[in-house]
Amino acid sequence: MTGSKPYPAHWERVADLRVFRTTIEEWQKLIAWRTDMGKRGWRLLRVTHEGAELVAIFGRTKADRSTS
């Protein structure tokens, strides 16, 4: 899937997004990253997989960004 994003294009209009990719064997890293991102106001929006990779999408609305 070259060039495709693991989330709908309209999400970019309303939120800043961060994509975290790791192997399924190292999924524990996602737990630590989710905790760290949550402390900074980011929310986990979606978890999926692409082949052997686990993909997590975090978002923070642009309105939230302007108030922090």
C-alpha atoms as a PDB file:
ATOM      1  CA  MET A   1       0.000   0.000   0.000  1.00  0.00           C
ATOM      2  CA  THR A   2       2.518   2.597  -1.018  1.00  0.00           C
ATOM      3  CA  GLY A   3       1.332   6.138  -0.352  1.00  0.00           C
ATOM      4  CA  SER A   4      -1.830   5.160   1.518  1.00  0.00           C
ATOM      5  CA  LYS A   5      -2.427   6.238   5.080  1.00  0.00           C
ATOM      6  CA  PRO A   6      -3.855   4.007   7.818  1.00  0.00           C
ATOM      7  CA  TYR A   7      -6.608   6.540   8.587  1.00  0.00           C
ATOM      8  CA  PRO A   8      -9.267   8.501   6.668  1.00  0.00           C
ATOM      9  CA  ALA A   9      -7.950  11.649   4.949  1.00  0.00           C
ATOM     10  CA  HIS A  10     -10.539  13.889   6.655  1.00  0.00           C
ATOM     11  CA  TRP A  11      -8.943  13.208  10.055  1.00  0.00           C
ATOM     12  CA  GLU A  12      -6.041  15.474   9.043  1.00  0.00           C
ATOM     13  CA  ARG A  13      -8.378  18.472   8.738  1.00  0.00           C
ATOM     14  CA  VAL A  14      -9.437  18.346  12.386  1.00  0.00           C
ATOM     15  CA  ALA A  15      -6.509  16.754  14.218  1.00  0.00           C
ATOM     16  CA  ASP A  16      -2.771  16.410  14.423  1.00  0.00           C
ATOM     17  CA  LEU A  17      -1.955  12.741  13.935  1.00  0.00           C
ATOM     18  CA  ARG A  18       0.941  10.513  14.884  1.00  0.00           C
ATOM     19  CA  VAL A  19       1.383   6.986  13.547  1.00  0.00           C
ATOM     20  CA  PHE A  20       3.254   4.418  15.632  1.00  0.00           C
ATOM     21  CA  ARG A  21       4.460   1.251  13.863  1.00  0.00           C
ATOM     22  CA  THR A  22       6.055  -1.784  15.452  1.00  0.00           C
ATOM     23  CA  THR A  23       6.238  -5.513  14.932  1.00  0.00           C
ATOM     24  CA  ILE A  24       3.532  -7.605  16.493  1.00  0.00           C
ATOM     25  CA  GLU A  25       6.197  -9.281  18.647  1.00  0.00           C
ATOM     26  CA  GLU A  26       7.109  -5.889  20.156  1.00  0.00           C
ATOM     27  CA  TRP A  27       3.543  -4.687  20.784  1.00  0.00           C
ATOM     28  CA  GLN A  28       4.376  -4.014  24.448  1.00  0.00           C
ATOM     29  CA  LYS A  29       6.084  -0.824  23.270  1.00  0.00           C
ATOM     30  CA  LEU A  30       2.643   0.437  22.263  1.00  0.00           C
ATOM     31  CA  ILE A  31       1.500   0.321  25.899  1.00  0.00           C
ATOM     32  CA  ALA A  32       4.371   2.535  27.054  1.00  0.00           C
ATOM     33  CA  TRP A  33       3.965   4.889  24.092  1.00  0.00           C
ATOM     34  CA  ARG A  34       0.194   5.180  24.716  1.00  0.00           C
ATOM     35  CA  THR A  35       0.812   6.165  28.341  1.00  0.00           C
ATOM     36  CA  ASP A  36       3.405   8.743  27.314  1.00  0.00           C
ATOM     37  CA  MET A  37       1.199  10.192  24.557  1.00  0.00           C
ATOM     38  CA  GLY A  38      -1.799  10.315  26.911  1.00  0.00           C
ATOM     39  CA  LYS A  39       0.152  12.495  29.335  1.00  0.00           C
ATOM     40  CA  ARG A  40       0.638  14.962  26.476  1.00  0.00           C
ATOM     41  CA  GLY A  41      -3.043  15.093  25.518  1.00  0.00           C
ATOM     42  CA  TRP A  42      -2.974  12.589  22.627  1.00  0.00           C
ATOM     43  CA  ARG A  43      -5.678   9.913  22.318  1.00  0.00           C
ATOM     44  CA  LEU A  44      -5.423   6.496  20.742  1.00  0.00           C
ATOM     45  CA  LEU A  45      -7.783   6.556  17.762  1.00  0.00           C
ATOM     46  CA  ARG A  46      -7.187   3.261  16.015  1.00  0.00           C
ATOM     47  CA  VAL A  47      -5.057   0.128  16.190  1.00  0.00           C
ATOM     48  CA  THR A  48      -4.736  -2.088  13.141  1.00  0.00           C
ATOM     49  CA  HIS A  49      -2.094  -4.096  11.365  1.00  0.00           C
ATOM     50  CA  GLU A  50      -0.435  -3.967   7.974  1.00  0.00           C
ATOM     51  CA  GLY A  51       1.297  -7.238   7.206  1.00  0.00           C
ATOM     52  CA  ALA A  52       3.663  -7.961  10.084  1.00  0.00           C
ATOM     53  CA  GLU A  53       3.377  -4.443  11.558  1.00  0.00           C
ATOM     54  CA  LEU A  54       1.074  -3.244  14.311  1.00  0.00           C
ATOM     55  CA  VAL A  55      -0.106   0.296  13.502  1.00  0.00           C
ATOM     56  CA  ALA A  56      -1.506   2.688  16.119  1.00  0.00           C
ATOM     57  CA  ILE A  57      -2.875   6.125  15.224  1.00  0.00           C
ATOM     58  CA  PHE A  58      -2.894   8.830  17.887  1.00  0.00           C
ATOM     59  CA  GLY A  59      -4.662  12.150  17.495  1.00  0.00           C
ATOM     60  CA  ARG A  60      -5.072  15.487  19.178  1.00  0.00           C
ATOM     61  CA  THR A  61      -7.631  17.935  17.878  1.00  0.00           C
ATOM     62  CA  LYS A  62      -6.252  21.152  16.506  1.00  0.00           C
ATOM     63  CA  ALA A  63      -8.433  23.029  19.020  1.00  0.00           C
ATOM     64  CA  ASP A  64      -6.729  21.148  21.885  1.00  0.00           C
ATOM     65  CA  ARG A  65      -3.318  22.039  20.477  1.00  0.00           C
ATOM     66  CA  SER A  66      -4.078  25.756  20.516  1.00  0.00           C
ATOM     67  CA  THR A  67      -5.108  25.700  24.192  1.00  0.00           C
ATOM     68  CA  SER A  68      -2.012  23.861  25.433  1.00  0.00           C
END
